[in-house]
Protein backbone atom coordinates (compact mmCIF):
# COMPACT_ATOMS: atom_id res chain seq x y z
CA UNK A 1 4.55 4.93 13.37
CA UNK A 2 3.23 8.16 11.88
CA UNK A 3 6.58 9.51 10.72
CA UNK A 4 5.42 9.96 7.16
CA UNK A 5 2.19 11.63 8.22
CA UNK A 6 4.02 14.03 10.53
CA UNK A 7 6.06 15.24 7.57
CA UNK A 8 2.90 15.75 5.51
CA UNK A 9 0.80 17.47 8.13
CA UNK A 10 3.15 19.92 9.77
CA UNK A 11 0.38 22.51 9.80
CA UNK A 12 -1.48 20.38 12.35
CA UNK A 13 1.45 19.29 14.48
CA UNK A 14 -0.26 20.74 17.57
CA UNK A 15 -3.28 18.49 17.01
CA UNK A 16 -3.84 16.07 19.82
CA UNK A 17 -4.59 12.48 18.86
CA UNK A 18 -8.00 11.36 20.13
CA UNK A 19 -8.13 9.46 23.36
CA UNK A 20 -8.28 5.68 22.89
CA UNK A 21 -11.85 4.48 22.86
CA UNK A 22 -13.00 2.24 25.66
CA UNK A 23 -14.43 -0.19 23.20
CA UNK A 24 -12.00 -1.05 20.43
CA UNK A 25 -13.32 -1.17 16.90
CA UNK A 26 -13.74 -4.34 14.94
CA UNK A 27 -11.53 -4.62 11.88
CA UNK A 28 -12.95 -5.82 8.61
CA UNK A 29 -10.84 -8.46 6.98
CA UNK A 30 -13.32 -9.61 4.36
CA UNK A 31 -15.47 -7.54 2.09
CA UNK A 32 -19.19 -7.40 2.77
CA UNK A 33 -21.47 -8.32 -0.14
CA UNK A 34 -24.15 -5.82 -1.04
CA UNK A 35 -27.59 -7.36 -0.42
CA UNK A 36 -29.50 -7.85 -3.64
CA UNK A 37 -32.60 -6.09 -2.39
CA UNK A 38 -30.78 -2.91 -1.44
CA UNK A 39 -30.77 -0.06 -3.91
CA UNK A 40 -27.51 1.91 -3.85
CA UNK A 41 -28.01 5.14 -1.99
CA UNK A 42 -27.61 8.60 -3.42
CA UNK A 43 -24.40 10.48 -2.59
CA UNK A 44 -24.04 10.91 1.15
CA UNK A 45 -22.59 14.40 0.96
CA UNK A 46 -24.35 17.01 -1.07
CA UNK A 47 -22.98 20.26 0.31
CA UNK A 48 -22.63 22.74 -2.56
CA UNK A 49 -19.52 24.80 -2.91
CA UNK A 50 -19.97 28.16 -1.18
CA UNK A 51 -20.77 31.16 -3.30
CA UNK A 52 -17.62 32.96 -2.19
CA UNK A 53 -15.36 29.94 -2.62
CA UNK A 54 -12.56 30.69 -5.07
CA UNK A 55 -12.04 28.13 -7.84
CA UNK A 56 -9.10 25.91 -7.04
CA UNK A 57 -8.46 24.38 -10.45
CA UNK A 58 -9.74 24.67 -13.97
CA UNK A 59 -13.48 25.29 -14.26
CA UNK A 60 -15.64 22.34 -15.28
CA UNK A 61 -19.34 22.99 -15.44
CA UNK A 62 -20.67 19.74 -14.00
CA UNK A 63 -20.12 16.08 -13.29
CA UNK A 64 -22.28 15.37 -16.34
CA UNK A 65 -19.73 17.19 -18.48
CA UNK A 66 -17.01 14.97 -17.04
CA UNK A 67 -19.04 11.85 -17.77
CA UNK A 68 -19.68 13.07 -21.33
CA UNK A 69 -15.96 13.24 -22.02
CA UNK A 70 -15.19 10.46 -24.44
CA UNK A 71 -14.30 7.57 -22.13
CA UNK A 72 -12.04 4.66 -22.96
CA UNK A 73 -13.72 1.46 -24.10
CA UNK A 74 -14.22 -0.61 -20.98
CA UNK A 75 -13.70 -4.31 -21.38
CA UNK A 76 -16.68 -6.43 -20.46
CA UNK A 77 -15.26 -8.39 -17.48
CA UNK A 78 -15.76 -6.18 -14.45
CA UNK A 79 -13.89 -8.22 -11.88
CA UNK A 80 -10.57 -9.70 -12.86
CA UNK A 81 -8.89 -12.60 -11.14
CA UNK A 82 -5.90 -11.71 -9.02
CA UNK A 83 -2.53 -13.24 -9.88
CA UNK A 84 -2.42 -16.84 -8.70
CA UNK A 85 -0.18 -17.46 -5.72
CA UNK A 86 0.79 -20.76 -4.21
CA UNK A 87 1.48 -19.15 -0.86
CA UNK A 88 -1.02 -18.70 1.97
CA UNK A 89 -2.81 -15.36 2.27
CA UNK A 90 -3.12 -14.18 5.83
CA UNK A 91 -4.09 -10.56 5.50
CA UNK A 92 -6.79 -8.74 3.58
CA UNK A 93 -9.51 -10.54 1.72
CA UNK A 94 -9.23 -9.98 -2.03
CA UNK A 95 -11.04 -7.29 -3.97
CA UNK A 96 -12.42 -9.88 -6.39
CA UNK A 97 -15.25 -12.31 -6.94
CA UNK A 98 -13.88 -14.46 -4.13
CA UNK A 99 -15.09 -11.67 -1.86
CA UNK A 100 -18.70 -12.79 -2.16
CA UNK A 101 -18.64 -15.81 0.13
CA UNK A 102 -21.07 -17.36 2.54
CA UNK A 103 -21.15 -16.22 6.14
CA UNK A 104 -20.36 -12.96 7.93
CA UNK A 105 -16.96 -11.25 7.87
CA UNK A 106 -14.26 -12.50 10.17
CA UNK A 107 -13.89 -10.05 13.01
CA UNK A 108 -10.52 -9.34 14.51
CA UNK A 109 -9.62 -7.28 17.52
CA UNK A 110 -7.30 -4.33 17.13
CA UNK A 111 -3.79 -4.80 18.34
CA UNK A 112 -2.87 -3.06 21.60
CA UNK A 113 -1.91 0.58 21.49
CA UNK A 114 1.79 1.28 20.94
CA UNK A 115 1.96 3.38 24.10
CA UNK A 116 0.79 0.40 26.15
CA UNK A 117 2.95 -2.26 24.52
CA UNK A 118 6.11 -0.26 23.96
CA UNK A 119 8.29 0.09 20.88
CA UNK A 120 10.15 -3.11 21.68
CA UNK A 121 7.06 -5.27 21.49
CA UNK A 122 5.98 -3.67 18.19
CA UNK A 123 9.43 -4.36 16.76
CA UNK A 124 9.24 -7.93 18.00
CA UNK A 125 5.83 -8.29 16.37
CA UNK A 126 7.30 -7.15 13.04
CA UNK A 127 10.16 -9.61 13.44
CA UNK A 128 7.74 -12.44 14.16
CA UNK A 129 5.49 -11.59 11.23
CA UNK A 130 8.45 -11.75 8.84
CA UNK A 131 9.23 -15.31 9.96
CA UNK A 132 8.56 -16.91 6.57
CA UNK A 133 10.97 -14.57 4.78
CA UNK A 134 13.52 -14.98 7.56
CA UNK A 135 13.35 -18.73 7.17
CA UNK A 136 13.76 -18.63 3.39
CA UNK A 137 16.49 -15.98 3.37
CA UNK A 138 18.27 -15.23 6.65
CA UNK A 139 18.17 -18.67 8.29
CA UNK A 140 19.36 -20.36 5.13
CA UNK A 141 22.19 -17.85 4.74
CA UNK A 142 23.23 -18.32 8.36
CA UNK A 143 23.27 -22.08 7.94
CA UNK A 144 25.37 -21.75 4.78
CA UNK A 145 27.89 -19.37 6.33
CA UNK A 146 28.25 -21.33 9.57
CA UNK A 147 28.85 -24.53 7.62
CA UNK A 148 31.53 -23.04 5.33
CA UNK A 149 35.19 -22.56 6.19
CA UNK A 150 36.07 -20.35 3.25
CA UNK A 151 34.49 -18.18 0.61
CA UNK A 152 34.69 -20.03 -2.69
CA UNK A 153 32.73 -20.52 -5.93
CA UNK A 154 30.52 -23.21 -4.40
CA UNK A 155 29.49 -20.90 -1.59
CA UNK A 156 28.56 -18.15 -4.06
CA UNK A 157 26.53 -20.62 -6.12
CA UNK A 158 24.50 -21.69 -3.08
CA UNK A 159 24.11 -18.10 -1.95
CA UNK A 160 22.79 -17.11 -5.36
CA UNK A 161 20.11 -19.80 -5.14
CA UNK A 162 19.04 -18.60 -1.68
CA UNK A 163 18.73 -14.96 -2.78
CA UNK A 164 16.74 -15.77 -5.91
CA UNK A 165 14.42 -18.12 -4.00
CA UNK A 166 13.64 -15.28 -1.57
CA UNK A 167 12.59 -13.23 -4.64
CA UNK A 168 15.27 -10.60 -4.61
CA UNK A 169 15.26 -10.85 -8.39
CA UNK A 170 18.05 -11.67 -10.83
CA UNK A 171 19.52 -8.18 -11.22
CA UNK A 172 19.45 -7.42 -7.49
CA UNK A 173 21.05 -10.78 -6.69
CA UNK A 174 23.81 -10.24 -9.26
CA UNK A 175 24.63 -6.82 -7.83
CA UNK A 176 24.77 -8.21 -4.28
CA UNK A 177 27.11 -11.04 -5.29
CA UNK A 178 29.33 -8.81 -7.46
CA UNK A 179 29.83 -6.47 -4.51
CA UNK A 180 30.76 -9.41 -2.26
CA UNK A 181 33.20 -10.83 -4.85
CA UNK A 182 34.96 -7.47 -5.16
CA UNK A 183 35.46 -7.36 -1.41
CA UNK A 184 36.92 -10.85 -1.44
CA UNK A 185 39.37 -9.91 -4.20
CA UNK A 186 40.48 -6.88 -2.18
CA UNK A 187 41.12 -9.22 0.76
CA UNK A 188 38.70 -7.17 2.84
CA UNK A 189 36.43 -10.18 3.21
CA UNK A 190 37.63 -13.67 4.06
CA UNK A 191 35.36 -15.17 6.75
CA UNK A 192 32.04 -16.53 5.38
CA UNK A 193 30.27 -15.24 8.48
CA UNK A 194 31.24 -11.68 7.50
CA UNK A 195 29.19 -12.04 4.34
CA UNK A 196 26.06 -11.76 6.46
CA UNK A 197 26.90 -8.21 7.52
CA UNK A 198 27.93 -7.21 3.99
CA UNK A 199 24.65 -8.45 2.50
CA UNK A 200 22.58 -6.89 5.27
CA UNK A 201 24.05 -3.43 4.75
CA UNK A 202 23.83 -3.68 0.95
CA UNK A 203 20.14 -4.56 1.18
CA UNK A 204 19.64 -1.63 3.56
CA UNK A 205 21.27 0.71 1.03
CA UNK A 206 18.94 -0.48 -1.75
CA UNK A 207 15.89 0.37 0.37
CA UNK A 208 17.24 3.67 1.69
CA UNK A 209 17.98 4.97 -1.83
CA UNK A 210 14.26 4.97 -2.70
CA UNK A 211 13.12 6.52 0.59
CA UNK A 212 12.20 10.06 -0.49
CA UNK A 213 9.18 11.09 1.59
CA UNK A 214 10.40 14.67 2.04
CA UNK A 215 9.55 15.39 -1.60
CA UNK A 216 5.83 15.14 -0.82
CA UNK A 217 4.38 18.20 0.85
CA UNK A 218 0.91 19.40 1.81
CA UNK A 219 -0.74 21.71 -0.72
CA UNK A 220 -0.90 25.35 0.32
CA UNK A 221 -4.65 25.36 -0.20
CA UNK A 222 -7.23 22.61 -0.14
CA UNK A 223 -7.09 18.98 0.94
CA UNK A 224 -4.32 16.43 0.46
CA UNK A 225 -5.64 13.96 -2.12
CA UNK A 226 -4.53 10.31 -2.28
CA UNK A 227 -5.53 8.14 -5.24
CA UNK A 228 -5.24 4.41 -4.47
CA UNK A 229 -4.69 2.02 -7.39
CA UNK A 230 -3.77 -1.63 -7.94
CA UNK A 231 -4.83 -4.95 -9.43
CA UNK A 232 -7.71 -7.04 -8.12
CA UNK A 233 -7.21 -8.90 -4.89
CA UNK A 234 -4.35 -6.94 -3.32
CA UNK A 235 -6.45 -5.45 -0.50
CA UNK A 236 -6.86 -1.84 -1.66
CA UNK A 237 -10.10 -1.07 0.18
CA UNK A 238 -8.92 -2.68 3.42
CA UNK A 239 -5.66 -0.73 3.17
CA UNK A 240 -7.65 2.48 2.69
CA UNK A 241 -9.65 1.73 5.84
CA UNK A 242 -6.48 1.24 7.87
CA UNK A 243 -4.81 4.37 6.45
CA UNK A 244 -7.95 6.33 7.31
CA UNK A 245 -7.63 5.16 10.91
CA UNK A 246 -4.05 6.44 11.00
CA UNK A 247 -5.08 9.88 9.74
CA UNK A 248 -7.92 10.05 12.24
CA UNK A 249 -5.54 9.21 15.08
CA UNK A 250 -3.27 12.05 13.97
CA UNK A 251 -6.16 14.51 14.14
CA UNK A 252 -7.01 14.87 10.44
CA UNK A 253 -10.48 15.05 8.88
CA UNK A 254 -10.87 12.47 6.11
CA UNK A 255 -13.24 12.09 3.16
CA UNK A 256 -13.44 8.72 1.37
CA UNK A 257 -14.40 8.51 -2.30
CA UNK A 258 -15.91 5.33 -3.76
CA UNK A 259 -14.70 5.58 -7.36
CA UNK A 260 -14.87 1.80 -7.72
CA UNK A 261 -18.32 1.72 -9.29
CA UNK A 262 -18.00 -1.64 -11.05
CA UNK A 263 -17.14 -4.32 -8.49
CA UNK A 264 -20.08 -5.80 -6.61
CA UNK A 265 -20.37 -4.42 -3.06
CA UNK A 266 -17.31 -2.15 -3.43
CA UNK A 267 -19.30 0.90 -2.31
CA UNK A 268 -20.86 -1.03 0.58
CA UNK A 269 -17.46 -2.14 1.82
CA UNK A 270 -16.03 1.39 1.73
CA UNK A 271 -19.12 2.75 3.50
CA UNK A 272 -18.61 0.26 6.31
CA UNK A 273 -15.03 1.42 6.70
CA UNK A 274 -16.35 4.99 6.75
CA UNK A 275 -18.76 4.12 9.55
CA UNK A 276 -16.05 2.32 11.51
CA UNK A 277 -13.75 5.33 11.31
CA UNK A 278 -16.47 7.96 11.63
CA UNK A 279 -15.76 9.61 8.26
CA UNK A 280 -17.92 10.63 5.30
CA UNK A 281 -18.04 8.66 2.05
CA UNK A 282 -18.84 10.13 -1.39
CA UNK A 283 -20.50 7.58 -3.66
CA UNK A 284 -22.95 7.20 -6.52
CA UNK A 285 -24.98 4.36 -7.98
CA UNK A 286 -23.32 1.22 -9.25
CA UNK A 287 -22.03 1.62 -12.81
CA UNK A 288 -21.59 5.40 -12.60
CA UNK A 289 -18.66 7.04 -14.34
CA UNK A 290 -15.79 6.91 -11.78
CA UNK A 291 -14.42 10.20 -13.16
CA UNK A 292 -17.73 11.91 -12.36
CA UNK A 293 -17.59 10.55 -8.82
CA UNK A 294 -14.07 11.92 -8.41
CA UNK A 295 -15.18 15.27 -9.84
CA UNK A 296 -18.01 15.64 -7.33
CA UNK A 297 -15.71 14.57 -4.52
CA UNK A 298 -13.25 17.38 -5.22
CA UNK A 299 -16.07 19.93 -4.93
CA UNK A 300 -17.30 18.45 -1.68
CA UNK A 301 -13.78 18.17 -0.26
CA UNK A 302 -13.14 21.86 -0.82
CA UNK A 303 -16.56 22.93 0.47
CA UNK A 304 -16.23 20.73 3.55
CA UNK A 305 -12.62 21.84 4.20
CA UNK A 306 -11.38 18.29 4.65
CA UNK A 307 -7.70 17.70 5.38
CA UNK A 308 -7.38 14.42 3.48
CA UNK A 309 -9.28 12.83 0.58
CA UNK A 310 -8.69 9.15 -0.24
CA UNK A 311 -10.01 7.93 -3.60
CA UNK A 312 -10.66 4.19 -4.01
CA UNK A 313 -10.45 3.00 -7.63
CA UNK A 314 -11.56 -0.27 -9.19
CA UNK A 315 -9.01 -3.07 -9.40
CA UNK A 316 -7.61 -3.72 -12.84
CA UNK A 317 -4.85 -5.84 -14.31
CA UNK A 318 -1.82 -3.83 -15.33
CA UNK A 319 -2.02 -5.36 -18.82
CA UNK A 320 -5.52 -3.98 -19.55
CA UNK A 321 -4.80 -0.95 -21.70
CA UNK A 322 -8.35 0.44 -21.80
CA UNK A 323 -8.78 0.27 -18.03
CA UNK A 324 -5.40 1.89 -17.49
CA UNK A 325 -6.60 4.72 -19.75
CA UNK A 326 -9.58 5.09 -17.44
CA UNK A 327 -7.21 5.67 -14.52
CA UNK A 328 -5.53 8.44 -16.49
CA UNK A 329 -8.93 10.07 -17.01
CA UNK A 330 -9.75 9.94 -13.28
CA UNK A 331 -6.41 11.54 -12.47
CA UNK A 332 -6.88 14.19 -15.18
CA UNK A 333 -10.36 15.16 -13.99
CA UNK A 334 -9.25 15.56 -10.37
CA UNK A 335 -6.33 17.73 -11.50
CA UNK A 336 -8.62 20.01 -13.49
CA UNK A 337 -11.00 20.54 -10.59
CA UNK A 338 -8.39 20.77 -7.83
CA UNK A 339 -4.98 22.01 -8.87
CA UNK A 340 -2.20 19.53 -8.09
CA UNK A 341 -4.55 16.65 -7.26
CA UNK A 342 -3.94 13.83 -6.70
CA UNK A 343 -0.92 14.71 -4.57
CA UNK A 344 -0.14 11.06 -3.86
CA UNK A 345 -0.82 8.07 -6.12
CA UNK A 346 -0.48 5.02 -3.91
CA UNK A 347 -0.05 1.64 -5.59
CA UNK A 348 -1.04 -1.34 -3.44
CA UNK A 349 0.96 -4.51 -4.20
CA UNK A 350 0.54 -8.07 -2.95
CA UNK A 351 3.90 -9.35 -1.67
CA UNK A 352 2.90 -12.96 -2.34
CA UNK A 353 3.03 -12.34 -6.09
CA UNK A 354 6.81 -11.87 -5.94
CA UNK A 355 8.46 -10.49 -9.07
CA UNK A 356 5.07 -10.01 -10.72
CA UNK A 357 4.61 -7.08 -8.33
CA UNK A 358 7.59 -5.36 -9.96
CA UNK A 359 5.97 -5.73 -13.39
CA UNK A 360 2.72 -4.31 -12.04
CA UNK A 361 4.49 -1.34 -10.52
CA UNK A 362 6.34 -0.50 -13.73
CA UNK A 363 3.18 -0.43 -15.87
CA UNK A 364 1.08 1.48 -13.32
CA UNK A 365 3.93 3.96 -12.94
CA UNK A 366 4.10 4.44 -16.72
CA UNK A 367 0.36 5.18 -16.78
CA UNK A 368 -0.21 7.47 -13.79
CA UNK A 369 3.21 8.22 -12.21
CA UNK A 370 3.15 6.29 -8.94
CA UNK A 371 4.49 8.28 -5.97
CA UNK A 372 4.30 5.64 -3.21
CA UNK A 373 3.77 1.94 -2.56
CA UNK A 374 1.88 -0.12 0.00
CA UNK A 375 3.09 -3.73 0.16
CA UNK A 376 0.52 -6.06 1.74
CA UNK A 377 0.55 -9.68 2.99
CA UNK A 378 4.24 -9.78 3.90
CA UNK A 379 3.38 -12.08 6.80
CA UNK A 380 2.02 -14.69 4.41
CA UNK A 381 4.98 -15.04 2.07
CA UNK A 382 8.56 -16.25 1.97
CA UNK A 383 9.20 -13.72 -0.80
CA UNK A 384 9.93 -10.71 1.41
CA UNK A 385 13.05 -10.03 -0.62
CA UNK A 386 10.71 -8.34 -3.08
CA UNK A 387 10.98 -5.23 -0.85
CA UNK A 388 14.64 -4.73 -1.78
CA UNK A 389 13.99 -5.63 -5.41
CA UNK A 390 11.18 -3.07 -5.76
CA UNK A 391 13.18 -0.31 -4.11
CA UNK A 392 16.25 -0.95 -6.24
CA UNK A 393 14.49 -1.27 -9.60
CA UNK A 394 11.76 1.36 -9.25
CA UNK A 395 13.16 4.00 -6.87
CA UNK A 396 9.60 4.52 -5.56
CA UNK A 397 9.32 4.85 -1.78
CA UNK A 398 7.38 2.22 0.17
CA UNK A 399 4.88 4.02 2.43
CA UNK A 400 3.30 1.04 4.20
CA UNK A 401 3.77 -2.68 4.71
CA UNK A 402 0.96 -5.02 5.75
CA UNK A 403 1.97 -7.79 8.13
CA UNK A 404 -1.38 -9.00 9.42
CA UNK A 405 -5.08 -8.35 9.91
CA UNK A 406 -5.00 -6.03 12.91
CA UNK A 407 -5.15 -2.25 12.52
CA UNK A 408 -1.55 -1.73 13.64
CA UNK A 409 -0.34 -4.42 11.26
CA UNK A 410 -0.39 -1.84 8.49
CA UNK A 411 2.93 -0.29 9.46
CA UNK A 412 4.57 2.91 8.28
CA UNK A 413 7.55 1.51 6.43
CA UNK A 414 10.96 2.17 7.99
CA UNK A 415 13.97 0.75 6.16
CA UNK A 416 16.16 0.39 9.25
CA UNK A 417 13.38 -1.24 11.27
CA UNK A 418 12.58 -3.65 8.45
CA UNK A 419 16.18 -4.78 7.91
CA UNK A 420 16.89 -5.06 11.63
CA UNK A 421 13.73 -7.12 12.15
CA UNK A 422 14.64 -9.36 9.21
CA UNK A 423 18.23 -9.93 10.42
CA UNK A 424 17.27 -9.77 14.10
CA UNK A 425 18.86 -11.40 17.12
CA UNK A 426 16.46 -14.31 16.93
CA UNK A 427 18.03 -15.40 13.64
CA UNK A 428 19.83 -18.73 13.70
CA UNK A 429 23.14 -18.58 15.55
CA UNK A 430 25.66 -21.21 16.57
C-alpha cells in the first residue's frame, strides 16, 4: 500500500511503523463548521529558525513582505459550487457551502489493518467498490461478447457506446477500437470473447504509460513539500487527512499547513485532522494571505526538521483566472523560501465529474505543473473509465484513488491491481 512512499522515503526505510492503537481513530467524513463565537487562534507553531540554520532558498525578510507582494485580484465569491453530478457521492463531504449542515459529522470506523485481513481481502474490497464501473463497462462488454457469434460492424458500434458511456472519452475509445479493428484485419482476432482480453491489456497499457513515480525523489536537505490543489467539493482536506495517516504509519513526521484562509471552517477542519493524526498545524486568522501562511510554514518546517509538509489550498474553479494566479504566487513563495518546494503538486479530482475532470487537470497543470493526481469517489460512480482517459491524455501519474470513507479506502494507486479488480473473476461469465 505504501509503495510510492517507500520510493520517496528511502532514507527512513529502517523506520518501524507504529504499533496499531488499541482504540481505532474515528474518521471524519464531513467538515466541521467553525462555531461563530470562536475567534481563530494564532499560529500553533511559533518556533523561530535557529541562529545557525543555513538559508535553504532565497532570502525573504518576512511574511509581511510576502503579503505586500502585489496579489492577484480575488473574485468576491469565496466558496464556489462544485461541478454538478447526477451520480451519488459516497466518499468525502464537499469542500463547499454544503459542508455547513445541521448535526454532527458522520463517524466511521477505520477498516481493518491489512496485516489482519490479508492482501486478498483488500483486493476483493477494491473489486467490490468498483462495482458501479464494472456494471457499466465490464458486465456490459461481457454480455455483448457472449451474445455475439462474430466480430462485425454492429458489434463495434455497440462496443463504442459502452466505452463512451463508461467515460473513457472519445479519443481513448477511438484508439481502443482502431487497435481492435487492426487485429481483426490481420486475422489475429476472430472470436468476440477475445476482444475482452485485448481491451483489458490496452487499458492497462494506457495507465502504465503515465506511471512515473521514480522521477520524484526526496530533497537532499529539508522536508518533502506537497501542495494540494483542486476545485471545490472534491474532498481535498479529507484526502490530506488520510495521506497524513499514511505518512505517520510509515514513520514520518508531518506538518500540515492551512493555506485555505477563505472557506468557512477550513482551518478548523484541518486542525481536527491534525489532532486525529497527532501532527502540528500551521494556520493564521481567517482571510490572511495564503502566501504568507505558506511562507511562515516553510520556516517552521525547516526549524522543526519535519520530514513532510502538506499544504492545503482553497478550492477554486479551474476557469477562475485570478484565483489560479494566486496558486502560482503560493508556489512561487514556497520555492523562494525553500529551494525546490513544492516537490509534489497533487491535484485532487472527483471521479463522478467524468470528462470534466480531464479539463480541470489540463488547466491546473498549465498553471502550476501538476506532478500527481488523487482520484476520489470512484466507489460512487459508473464513470471509472476516466482513470484510463486521464492517464492517456495527461501522462500524469495517479498517486491515490478514493473508494470509500474508511482510512484504508484511500489506496495507493496500482495499475495492475486496478485493472485486475475491474476485470476480476467475479465479472459476468457464462
